[in-house]
PDB file of N, CA and C in Angstrom:
ATOM      1  N   UNK A   1      75.726  32.827 118.988  1.00  0.00           N
ATOM      2  CA  UNK A   1      77.328  32.470 118.504  1.00  0.00           C
ATOM      3  C   UNK A   1      76.876  31.430 117.815  1.00  0.00           C
ATOM      4  N   UNK A   2      75.631  30.471 117.812  1.00  0.00           N
ATOM      5  CA  UNK A   2      75.900  29.664 116.539  1.00  0.00           C
ATOM      6  C   UNK A   2      76.083  29.832 115.498  1.00  0.00           C
ATOM      7  N   UNK A   3      75.047  31.220 115.063  1.00  0.00           N
ATOM      8  CA  UNK A   3      75.270  31.955 113.978  1.00  0.00           C
ATOM      9  C   UNK A   3      76.575  32.282 113.365  1.00  0.00           C
ATOM     10  N   UNK A   4      77.166  32.508 114.154  1.00  0.00           N
ATOM     11  CA  UNK A   4      79.020  33.223 113.846  1.00  0.00           C
ATOM     12  C   UNK A   4      79.748  31.743 113.585  1.00  0.00           C
ATOM     13  N   UNK A   5      79.367  30.676 114.124  1.00  0.00           N
ATOM     14  CA  UNK A   5      80.179  29.573 113.593  1.00  0.00           C
ATOM     15  C   UNK A   5      79.949  29.420 111.901  1.00  0.00           C
ATOM     16  N   UNK A   6      78.115  29.586 111.412  1.00  0.00           N
ATOM     17  CA  UNK A   6      77.714  29.009 110.557  1.00  0.00           C
ATOM     18  C   UNK A   6      78.369  29.949 109.362  1.00  0.00           C
ATOM     19  N   UNK A   7      78.660  31.236 109.603  1.00  0.00           N
ATOM     20  CA  UNK A   7      79.019  32.119 108.809  1.00  0.00           C
ATOM     21  C   UNK A   7      80.929  31.885 108.599  1.00  0.00           C
ATOM     22  N   UNK A   8      81.470  31.651 109.510  1.00  0.00           N
ATOM     23  CA  UNK A   8      82.690  30.853 109.259  1.00  0.00           C
ATOM     24  C   UNK A   8      83.161  30.109 109.290  1.00  0.00           C
ATOM     25  N   UNK A   9      82.249  28.880 108.715  1.00  0.00           N
ATOM     26  CA  UNK A   9      82.157  28.304 107.978  1.00  0.00           C
ATOM     27  C   UNK A   9      82.272  28.171 106.351  1.00  0.00           C
ATOM     28  N   UNK A  10      80.727  29.268 105.778  1.00  0.00           N
ATOM     29  CA  UNK A  10      80.578  29.309 104.855  1.00  0.00           C
ATOM     30  C   UNK A  10      82.074  29.812 103.806  1.00  0.00           C
ATOM     31  N   UNK A  11      82.572  30.796 104.945  1.00  0.00           N
ATOM     32  CA  UNK A  11      83.519  31.677 104.374  1.00  0.00           C
ATOM     33  C   UNK A  11      84.938  30.668 104.079  1.00  0.00           C
ATOM     34  N   UNK A  12      85.061  29.809 105.067  1.00  0.00           N
ATOM     35  CA  UNK A  12      86.122  28.600 104.907  1.00  0.00           C
ATOM     36  C   UNK A  12      87.443  29.735 105.296  1.00  0.00           C
ATOM     37  N   UNK A  13      88.735  28.874 104.906  1.00  0.00           N
ATOM     38  CA  UNK A  13      90.188  29.278 105.228  1.00  0.00           C
ATOM     39  C   UNK A  13      90.350  30.530 104.248  1.00  0.00           C
ATOM     40  N   UNK A  14      89.651  30.970 102.968  1.00  0.00           N
ATOM     41  CA  UNK A  14      90.447  31.169 101.798  1.00  0.00           C
ATOM     42  C   UNK A  14      90.589  32.422 102.440  1.00  0.00           C
ATOM     43  N   UNK A  15      91.940  33.130 101.824  1.00  0.00           N
ATOM     44  CA  UNK A  15      91.845  34.795 102.434  1.00  0.00           C
ATOM     45  C   UNK A  15      91.308  35.479 100.818  1.00  0.00           C
ATOM     46  N   UNK A  16      91.118  36.563 101.779  1.00  0.00           N
ATOM     47  CA  UNK A  16      89.987  37.063 100.924  1.00  0.00           C
ATOM     48  C   UNK A  16      90.462  38.943 100.266  1.00  0.00           C
ATOM     49  N   UNK A  17      91.686  38.565 100.795  1.00  0.00           N
ATOM     50  CA  UNK A  17      92.812  39.856  99.777  1.00  0.00           C
ATOM     51  C   UNK A  17      93.474  39.229  98.786  1.00  0.00           C
ATOM     52  N   UNK A  18      93.494  38.848  98.041  1.00  0.00           N
ATOM     53  CA  UNK A  18      93.866  38.796  96.744  1.00  0.00           C
ATOM     54  C   UNK A  18      94.881  39.968  95.556  1.00  0.00           C
ATOM     55  N   UNK A  19      96.069  40.020  95.580  1.00  0.00           N
ATOM     56  CA  UNK A  19      96.828  40.294  94.520  1.00  0.00           C
ATOM     57  C   UNK A  19      96.771  40.432  92.851  1.00  0.00           C
ATOM     58  N   UNK A  20      96.709  41.033  92.376  1.00  0.00           N
ATOM     59  CA  UNK A  20      96.895  40.971  90.722  1.00  0.00           C
ATOM     60  C   UNK A  20      97.410  40.470  90.396  1.00  0.00           C
ATOM     61  N   UNK A  21      97.111  39.925  89.090  1.00  0.00           N
ATOM     62  CA  UNK A  21      97.799  38.991  88.812  1.00  0.00           C
ATOM     63  C   UNK A  21      99.404  38.923  88.592  1.00  0.00           C
ATOM     64  N   UNK A  22     100.236  38.741  88.122  1.00  0.00           N
ATOM     65  CA  UNK A  22     101.528  39.602  88.224  1.00  0.00           C
ATOM     66  C   UNK A  22     101.703  40.672  88.693  1.00  0.00           C
ATOM     67  N   UNK A  23     101.290  40.936  89.472  1.00  0.00           N
ATOM     68  CA  UNK A  23     101.713  42.605  90.060  1.00  0.00           C
ATOM     69  C   UNK A  23     102.723  42.677  90.509  1.00  0.00           C
ATOM     70  N   UNK A  24     103.570  41.769  91.159  1.00  0.00           N
ATOM     71  CA  UNK A  24     104.538  41.894  91.812  1.00  0.00           C
ATOM     72  C   UNK A  24     106.251  42.121  90.438  1.00  0.00           C
ATOM     73  N   UNK A  25     106.284  41.013  89.564  1.00  0.00           N
ATOM     74  CA  UNK A  25     106.253  41.407  88.373  1.00  0.00           C
ATOM     75  C   UNK A  25     106.629  42.560  87.973  1.00  0.00           C
ATOM     76  N   UNK A  26     105.155  43.252  88.001  1.00  0.00           N
ATOM     77  CA  UNK A  26     105.514  44.261  87.162  1.00  0.00           C
ATOM     78  C   UNK A  26     105.295  45.621  88.297  1.00  0.00           C
ATOM     79  N   UNK A  27     105.860  45.303  88.835  1.00  0.00           N
ATOM     80  CA  UNK A  27     106.149  46.299  89.734  1.00  0.00           C
ATOM     81  C   UNK A  27     106.838  47.210  89.666  1.00  0.00           C
ATOM     82  N   UNK A  28     108.230  46.375  89.440  1.00  0.00           N
ATOM     83  CA  UNK A  28     109.574  47.516  89.013  1.00  0.00           C
ATOM     84  C   UNK A  28     109.247  48.760  87.989  1.00  0.00           C
ATOM     85  N   UNK A  29     108.551  48.117  87.205  1.00  0.00           N
ATOM     86  CA  UNK A  29     108.382  49.024  86.034  1.00  0.00           C
ATOM     87  C   UNK A  29     107.366  49.617  86.095  1.00  0.00           C
ATOM     88  N   UNK A  30     106.501  49.603  87.007  1.00  0.00           N
ATOM     89  CA  UNK A  30     105.647  51.069  87.258  1.00  0.00           C
ATOM     90  C   UNK A  30     105.954  51.572  87.838  1.00  0.00           C
ATOM     91  N   UNK A  31     107.125  51.331  88.781  1.00  0.00           N
ATOM     92  CA  UNK A  31     107.485  52.458  89.726  1.00  0.00           C
ATOM     93  C   UNK A  31     108.853  53.244  89.051  1.00  0.00           C
ATOM     94  N   UNK A  32     109.584  52.274  88.151  1.00  0.00           N
ATOM     95  CA  UNK A  32     110.200  53.064  87.095  1.00  0.00           C
ATOM     96  C   UNK A  32     110.125  54.800  86.088  1.00  0.00           C
ATOM     97  N   UNK A  33     108.320  53.820  85.800  1.00  0.00           N
ATOM     98  CA  UNK A  33     107.632  54.966  85.012  1.00  0.00           C
ATOM     99  C   UNK A  33     107.398  56.073  85.835  1.00  0.00           C
ATOM    100  N   UNK A  34     106.891  56.019  87.230  1.00  0.00           N
ATOM    101  CA  UNK A  34     106.348  56.306  88.047  1.00  0.00           C
ATOM    102  C   UNK A  34     107.716  57.919  87.997  1.00  0.00           C
ATOM    103  N   UNK A  35     108.726  57.564  88.610  1.00  0.00           N
ATOM    104  CA  UNK A  35     109.766  57.930  88.835  1.00  0.00           C
ATOM    105  C   UNK A  35     110.666  58.455  87.469  1.00  0.00           C
ATOM    106  N   UNK A  36     110.812  58.516  86.555  1.00  0.00           N
ATOM    107  CA  UNK A  36     111.683  58.750  85.826  1.00  0.00           C
ATOM    108  C   UNK A  36     111.556  59.902  85.537  1.00  0.00           C
ATOM    109  N   UNK A  37     113.042  61.058  85.719  1.00  0.00           N
ATOM    110  CA  UNK A  37     113.158  62.437  85.526  1.00  0.00           C
ATOM    111  C   UNK A  37     112.155  62.626  83.900  1.00  0.00           C
ATOM    112  N   UNK A  38     111.747  64.063  84.330  1.00  0.00           N
ATOM    113  CA  UNK A  38     110.735  64.546  82.528  1.00  0.00           C
ATOM    114  C   UNK A  38     111.497  65.359  82.295  1.00  0.00           C
ATOM    115  N   UNK A  39     111.166  65.559  80.791  1.00  0.00           N
ATOM    116  CA  UNK A  39     112.388  66.997  80.308  1.00  0.00           C
ATOM    117  C   UNK A  39     111.983  67.556  80.789  1.00  0.00           C
ATOM    118  N   UNK A  40     112.734  68.738  80.867  1.00  0.00           N
ATOM    119  CA  UNK A  40     112.172  70.293  81.439  1.00  0.00           C
ATOM    120  C   UNK A  40     112.854  70.953  79.812  1.00  0.00           C
ATOM    121  N   UNK A  41     111.705  72.198  80.156  1.00  0.00           N
ATOM    122  CA  UNK A  41     112.049  73.315  78.435  1.00  0.00           C
ATOM    123  C   UNK A  41     112.814  73.428  78.951  1.00  0.00           C
ATOM    124  N   UNK A  42     113.825  74.851  77.973  1.00  0.00           N
ATOM    125  CA  UNK A  42     114.291  75.631  78.851  1.00  0.00           C
ATOM    126  C   UNK A  42     113.784  76.542  79.122  1.00  0.00           C
ATOM    127  N   UNK A  43     112.817  77.174  78.405  1.00  0.00           N
ATOM    128  CA  UNK A  43     111.968  78.140  79.026  1.00  0.00           C
ATOM    129  C   UNK A  43     111.741  77.713  80.552  1.00  0.00           C
ATOM    130  N   UNK A  44     111.245  76.616  80.792  1.00  0.00           N
ATOM    131  CA  UNK A  44     110.736  76.269  82.539  1.00  0.00           C
ATOM    132  C   UNK A  44     112.059  76.253  83.054  1.00  0.00           C
ATOM    133  N   UNK A  45     113.642  75.633  82.690  1.00  0.00           N
ATOM    134  CA  UNK A  45     114.478  75.988  83.460  1.00  0.00           C
ATOM    135  C   UNK A  45     114.393  77.740  83.953  1.00  0.00           C
ATOM    136  N   UNK A  46     114.344  78.433  82.972  1.00  0.00           N
ATOM    137  CA  UNK A  46     114.792  79.948  83.124  1.00  0.00           C
ATOM    138  C   UNK A  46     113.727  80.422  83.433  1.00  0.00           C
ATOM    139  N   UNK A  47     112.698  80.207  84.106  1.00  0.00           N
ATOM    140  CA  UNK A  47     111.970  80.806  84.551  1.00  0.00           C
ATOM    141  C   UNK A  47     112.453  81.699  86.084  1.00  0.00           C
ATOM    142  N   UNK A  48     113.174  80.866  86.887  1.00  0.00           N
ATOM    143  CA  UNK A  48     112.602  82.071  87.437  1.00  0.00           C
ATOM    144  C   UNK A  48     114.316  83.343  87.480  1.00  0.00           C
ATOM    145  N   UNK A  49     115.130  82.854  86.686  1.00  0.00           N
ATOM    146  CA  UNK A  49     116.410  83.827  86.107  1.00  0.00           C
ATOM    147  C   UNK A  49     114.573  85.405  85.991  1.00  0.00           C
ATOM    148  N   UNK A  50     113.992  84.938  84.943  1.00  0.00           N
ATOM    149  CA  UNK A  50     113.243  85.722  84.399  1.00  0.00           C
ATOM    150  C   UNK A  50     112.294  86.722  85.250  1.00  0.00           C
ATOM    151  N   UNK A  51     111.625  85.952  86.206  1.00  0.00           N
ATOM    152  CA  UNK A  51     110.944  86.213  87.616  1.00  0.00           C
ATOM    153  C   UNK A  51     112.627  87.599  88.387  1.00  0.00           C
ATOM    154  N   UNK A  52     113.543  87.177  88.557  1.00  0.00           N
ATOM    155  CA  UNK A  52     114.011  87.538  89.201  1.00  0.00           C
ATOM    156  C   UNK A  52     114.848  89.469  88.331  1.00  0.00           C
ATOM    157  N   UNK A  53     114.995  89.170  87.365  1.00  0.00           N
ATOM    158  CA  UNK A  53     115.690  89.790  86.793  1.00  0.00           C
ATOM    159  C   UNK A  53     113.872  91.016  86.275  1.00  0.00           C
ATOM    160  N   UNK A  54     112.834  90.756  86.294  1.00  0.00           N
ATOM    161  CA  UNK A  54     111.723  91.164  85.989  1.00  0.00           C
ATOM    162  C   UNK A  54     111.948  91.964  87.707  1.00  0.00           C
ATOM    163  N   UNK A  55     112.190  91.546  88.518  1.00  0.00           N
ATOM    164  CA  UNK A  55     111.781  92.184  90.164  1.00  0.00           C
ATOM    165  C   UNK A  55     113.110  93.231  89.897  1.00  0.00           C
ATOM    166  N   UNK A  56     114.192  92.997  89.579  1.00  0.00           N
ATOM    167  CA  UNK A  56     114.982  94.177  89.680  1.00  0.00           C
ATOM    168  C   UNK A  56     114.876  95.504  88.399  1.00  0.00           C
ATOM    169  N   UNK A  57     114.022  95.200  86.969  1.00  0.00           N
ATOM    170  CA  UNK A  57     113.615  95.531  86.623  1.00  0.00           C
ATOM    171  C   UNK A  57     112.650  96.737  86.768  1.00  0.00           C
ATOM    172  N   UNK A  58     111.590  96.028  87.734  1.00  0.00           N
ATOM    173  CA  UNK A  58     110.771  96.603  88.263  1.00  0.00           C
ATOM    174  C   UNK A  58     111.418  97.871  89.534  1.00  0.00           C
ATOM    175  N   UNK A  59     112.140  97.557  90.429  1.00  0.00           N
ATOM    176  CA  UNK A  59     112.608  98.055  91.364  1.00  0.00           C
ATOM    177  C   UNK A  59     113.291  99.465  90.771  1.00  0.00           C
ATOM    178  N   UNK A  60     113.823  99.025  89.254  1.00  0.00           N
ATOM    179  CA  UNK A  60     114.864 100.462  89.080  1.00  0.00           C
ATOM    180  C   UNK A  60     113.931 101.235  88.821  1.00  0.00           C
ATOM    181  N   UNK A  61     112.304 100.603  87.984  1.00  0.00           N
ATOM    182  CA  UNK A  61     111.714 102.059  87.451  1.00  0.00           C
ATOM    183  C   UNK A  61     110.974 102.463  88.842  1.00  0.00           C
ATOM    184  N   UNK A  62     111.098 101.813  89.643  1.00  0.00           N
ATOM    185  CA  UNK A  62     109.851 102.557  90.629  1.00  0.00           C
ATOM    186  C   UNK A  62     111.158 103.554  91.425  1.00  0.00           C
ATOM    187  N   UNK A  63     112.385 103.483  91.350  1.00  0.00           N
ATOM    188  CA  UNK A  63     113.017 104.704  91.738  1.00  0.00           C
ATOM    189  C   UNK A  63     113.852 105.453  91.222  1.00  0.00           C
ATOM    190  N   UNK A  64     113.980 105.162  90.115  1.00  0.00           N
ATOM    191  CA  UNK A  64     114.129 106.127  88.868  1.00  0.00           C
ATOM    192  C   UNK A  64     112.875 107.056  88.581  1.00  0.00           C
ATOM    193  N   UNK A  65     111.154 106.633  89.151  1.00  0.00           N
ATOM    194  CA  UNK A  65     110.213 107.440  88.530  1.00  0.00           C
ATOM    195  C   UNK A  65     110.183 107.975  89.727  1.00  0.00           C
ATOM    196  N   UNK A  66     110.837 107.872  91.762  1.00  0.00           N
ATOM    197  CA  UNK A  66     111.032 107.783  92.353  1.00  0.00           C
ATOM    198  C   UNK A  66     112.023 108.999  92.696  1.00  0.00           C
ATOM    199  N   UNK A  67     112.643 109.275  92.003  1.00  0.00           N
ATOM    200  CA  UNK A  67     113.944 110.148  92.108  1.00  0.00           C
ATOM    201  C   UNK A  67     113.540 111.356  91.147  1.00  0.00           C
ATOM    202  N   UNK A  68     112.696 110.610  90.155  1.00  0.00           N
ATOM    203  CA  UNK A  68     112.700 111.830  88.881  1.00  0.00           C
ATOM    204  C   UNK A  68     111.454 112.743  89.539  1.00  0.00           C
ATOM    205  N   UNK A  69     110.945 112.518  89.852  1.00  0.00           N
ATOM    206  CA  UNK A  69     109.825 113.346  90.737  1.00  0.00           C
ATOM    207  C   UNK A  69     109.911 114.524  92.266  1.00  0.00           C
ATOM    208  N   UNK A  70     111.050 113.373  92.286  1.00  0.00           N
ATOM    209  CA  UNK A  70     111.735 114.396  94.033  1.00  0.00           C
ATOM    210  C   UNK A  70     112.949 115.292  93.167  1.00  0.00           C
ATOM    211  N   UNK A  71     113.083 115.330  92.512  1.00  0.00           N
ATOM    212  CA  UNK A  71     113.942 116.572  91.868  1.00  0.00           C
ATOM    213  C   UNK A  71     113.876 117.331  91.199  1.00  0.00           C
ATOM    214  N   UNK A  72     112.564 117.494  90.391  1.00  0.00           N
ATOM    215  CA  UNK A  72     111.759 118.392  89.827  1.00  0.00           C
ATOM    216  C   UNK A  72     110.525 118.438  90.850  1.00  0.00           C
ATOM    217  N   UNK A  73     110.213 118.118  91.645  1.00  0.00           N
ATOM    218  CA  UNK A  73     109.371 119.154  93.070  1.00  0.00           C
ATOM    219  C   UNK A  73     110.049 119.831  94.297  1.00  0.00           C
ATOM    220  N   UNK A  74     111.885 118.515  94.120  1.00  0.00           N
ATOM    221  CA  UNK A  74     113.094 119.860  94.904  1.00  0.00           C
ATOM    222  C   UNK A  74     112.947 120.836  93.780  1.00  0.00           C
ATOM    223  N   UNK A  75     113.357 121.491  92.704  1.00  0.00           N
ATOM    224  CA  UNK A  75     113.633 122.160  91.717  1.00  0.00           C
ATOM    225  C   UNK A  75     112.431 123.134  91.857  1.00  0.00           C
ATOM    226  N   UNK A  76     111.320 123.381  92.207  1.00  0.00           N
ATOM    227  CA  UNK A  76     110.026 123.635  91.905  1.00  0.00           C
ATOM    228  C   UNK A  76     110.129 124.408  93.695  1.00  0.00           C
ATOM    229  N   UNK A  77     110.444 123.750  94.208  1.00  0.00           N
ATOM    230  CA  UNK A  77     110.400 123.519  95.604  1.00  0.00           C
ATOM    231  C   UNK A  77     111.779 125.080  96.142  1.00  0.00           C
ATOM    232  N   UNK A  78     113.092 124.971  95.592  1.00  0.00           N
ATOM    233  CA  UNK A  78     113.482 125.593  95.378  1.00  0.00           C
ATOM    234  C   UNK A  78     113.579 127.593  94.997  1.00  0.00           C
ATOM    235  N   UNK A  79     112.768 126.544  94.029  1.00  0.00           N
ATOM    236  CA  UNK A  79     112.190 128.629  93.499  1.00  0.00           C
ATOM    237  C   UNK A  79     111.165 128.796  94.223  1.00  0.00           C
ATOM    238  N   UNK A  80     110.382 128.030  94.979  1.00  0.00           N
ATOM    239  CA  UNK A  80     109.488 129.032  95.737  1.00  0.00           C
ATOM    240  C   UNK A  80     110.230 129.413  97.208  1.00  0.00           C
ATOM    241  N   UNK A  81     111.395 128.254  97.899  1.00  0.00           N
ATOM    242  CA  UNK A  81     112.113 128.675  99.036  1.00  0.00           C
ATOM    243  C   UNK A  81     112.663 130.174  98.006  1.00  0.00           C
ATOM    244  N   UNK A  82     113.326 130.340  96.665  1.00  0.00           N
ATOM    245  CA  UNK A  82     114.294 131.775  96.565  1.00  0.00           C
ATOM    246  C   UNK A  82     113.409 132.581  96.642  1.00  0.00           C
ATOM    247  N   UNK A  83     112.096 133.067  95.884  1.00  0.00           N
ATOM    248  CA  UNK A  83     111.049 133.304  96.058  1.00  0.00           C
ATOM    249  C   UNK A  83     110.531 134.344  97.176  1.00  0.00           C
ATOM    250  N   UNK A  84     110.442 133.134  97.886  1.00  0.00           N
ATOM    251  CA  UNK A  84     110.335 133.788  99.745  1.00  0.00           C
ATOM    252  C   UNK A  84     111.221 134.057 100.650  1.00  0.00           C
ATOM    253  N   UNK A  85     112.618 133.450 100.020  1.00  0.00           N
ATOM    254  CA  UNK A  85     113.348 134.082 100.438  1.00  0.00           C
ATOM    255  C   UNK A  85     113.511 135.811 100.429  1.00  0.00           C
ATOM    256  N   UNK A  86     113.041 135.547  98.939  1.00  0.00           N
ATOM    257  CA  UNK A  86     113.590 137.347  98.393  1.00  0.00           C
ATOM    258  C   UNK A  86     112.195 138.642  99.087  1.00  0.00           C
ATOM    259  N   UNK A  87     111.674 137.722  99.207  1.00  0.00           N
ATOM    260  CA  UNK A  87     110.306 138.403  99.600  1.00  0.00           C
ATOM    261  C   UNK A  87     110.418 138.895 101.171  1.00  0.00           C
ATOM    262  N   UNK A  88     111.224 138.026 102.370  1.00  0.00           N
ATOM    263  CA  UNK A  88     111.843 138.322 103.153  1.00  0.00           C
ATOM    264  C   UNK A  88     111.994 138.888 103.333  1.00  0.00           C
ATOM    265  N   UNK A  89     113.115 139.243 102.353  1.00  0.00           N
ATOM    266  CA  UNK A  89     114.374 140.159 102.525  1.00  0.00           C
ATOM    267  C   UNK A  89     114.223 141.639 101.896  1.00  0.00           C
ATOM    268  N   UNK A  90     113.363 141.615 101.139  1.00  0.00           N
ATOM    269  CA  UNK A  90     112.415 142.608 100.981  1.00  0.00           C
ATOM    270  C   UNK A  90     111.530 143.147 101.876  1.00  0.00           C
ATOM    271  N   UNK A  91     110.790 142.443 102.853  1.00  0.00           N
ATOM    272  CA  UNK A  91     109.870 142.708 104.021  1.00  0.00           C
ATOM    273  C   UNK A  91     110.719 143.326 105.034  1.00  0.00           C
ATOM    274  N   UNK A  92     111.684 142.444 105.462  1.00  0.00           N
ATOM    275  CA  UNK A  92     113.106 142.639 105.946  1.00  0.00           C
ATOM    276  C   UNK A  92     113.421 143.623 106.428  1.00  0.00           C
ATOM    277  N   UNK A  93     113.940 144.271 104.931  1.00  0.00           N
ATOM    278  CA  UNK A  93     114.852 145.938 104.890  1.00  0.00           C
ATOM    279  C   UNK A  93     114.073 146.368 104.980  1.00  0.00           C
ATOM    280  N   UNK A  94     112.043 146.336 104.360  1.00  0.00           N
ATOM    281  CA  UNK A  94     111.429 147.608 105.017  1.00  0.00           C
ATOM    282  C   UNK A  94     110.827 147.397 106.264  1.00  0.00           C
ATOM    283  N   UNK A  95     110.706 146.399 107.165  1.00  0.00           N
ATOM    284  CA  UNK A  95     110.761 146.220 108.871  1.00  0.00           C
ATOM    285  C   UNK A  95     112.066 146.863 108.833  1.00  0.00           C
ATOM    286  N   UNK A  96     112.970 147.158 108.861  1.00  0.00           N
ATOM    287  CA  UNK A  96     114.223 147.338 109.725  1.00  0.00           C
ATOM    288  C   UNK A  96     114.177 149.224 108.877  1.00  0.00           C
ATOM    289  N   UNK A  97     113.744 149.127 108.025  1.00  0.00           N
ATOM    290  CA  UNK A  97     113.450 150.690 107.280  1.00  0.00           C
ATOM    291  C   UNK A  97     113.016 151.364 108.041  1.00  0.00           C
ATOM    292  N   UNK A  98     111.529 150.936 108.807  1.00  0.00           N
ATOM    293  CA  UNK A  98     110.402 151.401 109.003  1.00  0.00           C
ATOM    294  C   UNK A  98     111.610 151.690 110.658  1.00  0.00           C
ATOM    295  N   UNK A  99     112.003 151.072 111.254  1.00  0.00           N
ATOM    296  CA  UNK A  99     112.385 150.709 112.898  1.00  0.00           C
ATOM    297  C   UNK A  99     113.017 151.778 113.115  1.00  0.00           C
ATOM    298  N   UNK A 100     114.209 151.676 112.614  1.00  0.00           N
ATOM    299  CA  UNK A 100     115.124 153.020 112.084  1.00  0.00           C
ATOM    300  C   UNK A 100     114.478 153.861 111.984  1.00  0.00           C
ATOM    301  N   UNK A 101     113.773 154.325 111.053  1.00  0.00           N
ATOM    302  CA  UNK A 101     112.908 155.752 111.440  1.00  0.00           C
ATOM    303  C   UNK A 101     111.756 156.405 112.482  1.00  0.00           C
ATOM    304  N   UNK A 102     111.560 155.136 112.895  1.00  0.00           N
ATOM    305  CA  UNK A 102     110.620 155.245 114.928  1.00  0.00           C
ATOM    306  C   UNK A 102     111.695 155.553 115.341  1.00  0.00           C
ATOM    307  N   UNK A 103     112.607 155.232 115.737  1.00  0.00           N
ATOM    308  CA  UNK A 103     114.139 155.191 116.549  1.00  0.00           C
ATOM    309  C   UNK A 103     114.622 155.951 116.725  1.00  0.00           C
ATOM    310  N   UNK A 104     115.330 157.005 115.327  1.00  0.00           N
ATOM    311  CA  UNK A 104     115.543 158.161 115.133  1.00  0.00           C
ATOM    312  C   UNK A 104     114.625 159.309 115.311  1.00  0.00           C
ATOM    313  N   UNK A 105     113.381 159.211 114.890  1.00  0.00           N
ATOM    314  CA  UNK A 105     112.261 160.516 115.377  1.00  0.00           C
ATOM    315  C   UNK A 105     112.040 160.115 116.411  1.00  0.00           C
ATOM    316  N   UNK A 106     111.444 158.988 117.749  1.00  0.00           N
ATOM    317  CA  UNK A 106     110.615 159.203 118.509  1.00  0.00           C
ATOM    318  C   UNK A 106     111.694 159.545 119.480  1.00  0.00           C
ATOM    319  N   UNK A 107     111.765 160.285 121.255  1.00  0.00           N
ATOM    320  CA  UNK A 107     112.596 159.930 121.609  1.00  0.00           C
ATOM    321  C   UNK A 107     111.963 159.539 122.482  1.00  0.00           C
ATOM    322  N   UNK A 108     112.151 159.976 124.238  1.00  0.00           N
ATOM    323  CA  UNK A 108     111.908 158.495 125.554  1.00  0.00           C
ATOM    324  C   UNK A 108     110.524 159.614 125.613  1.00  0.00           C
ATOM    325  N   UNK A 109     110.639 161.465 126.045  1.00  0.00           N
ATOM    326  CA  UNK A 109     109.837 162.136 126.495  1.00  0.00           C
ATOM    327  C   UNK A 109     108.022 161.966 125.327  1.00  0.00           C
ATOM    328  N   UNK A 110     108.581 161.296 124.088  1.00  0.00           N
ATOM    329  CA  UNK A 110     107.363 161.279 123.428  1.00  0.00           C
ATOM    330  C   UNK A 110     106.481 160.204 123.913  1.00  0.00           C
ATOM    331  N   UNK A 111     107.043 158.453 123.865  1.00  0.00           N
ATOM    332  CA  UNK A 111     106.758 157.823 125.080  1.00  0.00           C
ATOM    333  C   UNK A 111     105.735 158.282 125.865  1.00  0.00           C
ATOM    334  N   UNK A 112     106.327 158.717 126.761  1.00  0.00           N
ATOM    335  CA  UNK A 112     105.993 159.084 128.018  1.00  0.00           C
ATOM    336  C   UNK A 112     104.744 160.223 128.134  1.00  0.00           C
ATOM    337  N   UNK A 113     104.536 160.385 126.945  1.00  0.00           N
ATOM    338  CA  UNK A 113     103.586 161.505 127.059  1.00  0.00           C
ATOM    339  C   UNK A 113     102.570 160.656 126.508  1.00  0.00           C
ATOM    340  N   UNK A 114     102.725 160.024 125.659  1.00  0.00           N
ATOM    341  CA  UNK A 114     101.893 159.442 124.757  1.00  0.00           C
ATOM    342  C   UNK A 114     100.624 158.468 126.221  1.00  0.00           C
ATOM    343  N   UNK A 115     101.278 157.481 127.191  1.00  0.00           N
ATOM    344  CA  UNK A 115     101.315 156.369 128.080  1.00  0.00           C
ATOM    345  C   UNK A 115     100.948 157.290 129.265  1.00  0.00           C
ATOM    346  N   UNK A 116     100.871 158.703 129.516  1.00  0.00           N
ATOM    347  CA  UNK A 116      99.963 159.742 130.308  1.00  0.00           C
ATOM    348  C   UNK A 116      98.536 160.423 129.397  1.00  0.00           C
ATOM    349  N   UNK A 117      99.258 160.343 128.377  1.00  0.00           N
ATOM    350  CA  UNK A 117      97.776 160.495 127.210  1.00  0.00           C
ATOM    351  C   UNK A 117      96.510 160.057 127.158  1.00  0.00           C
ATOM    352  N   UNK A 118      97.058 158.323 127.520  1.00  0.00           N
ATOM    353  CA  UNK A 118      96.234 157.373 127.535  1.00  0.00           C
ATOM    354  C   UNK A 118      95.123 156.994 128.062  1.00  0.00           C
ATOM    355  N   UNK A 119      95.575 157.168 129.753  1.00  0.00           N
ATOM    356  CA  UNK A 119      94.813 157.175 130.651  1.00  0.00           C
ATOM    357  C   UNK A 119      94.486 158.333 131.006  1.00  0.00           C
TER     358      UNK A 119
END
């Protein structure tokens, strides 16, 4: 305890925390310089609008490309479907012709005779 009281006597009653000279007189000017608005260029002001316009241009390009691609594929698809349906019509007409031939030429007795001959 004696050591502590001796150290306190060395320090004395002075305050170890001091403010710089004329700090409170200079403080308002320091604050004003830090909060004064900066001049913003026209380019900086228009950046959000440019980003917005670029976004819409990008959307337009993507949608236009997609629609163009789908339309060209749809044309190819419709040509393929037309060719396929023409083939089916030809095949169907051939099958119908074959079926009509069988129905007119084969009677019930021929079918019974064929089935009995197999066993």
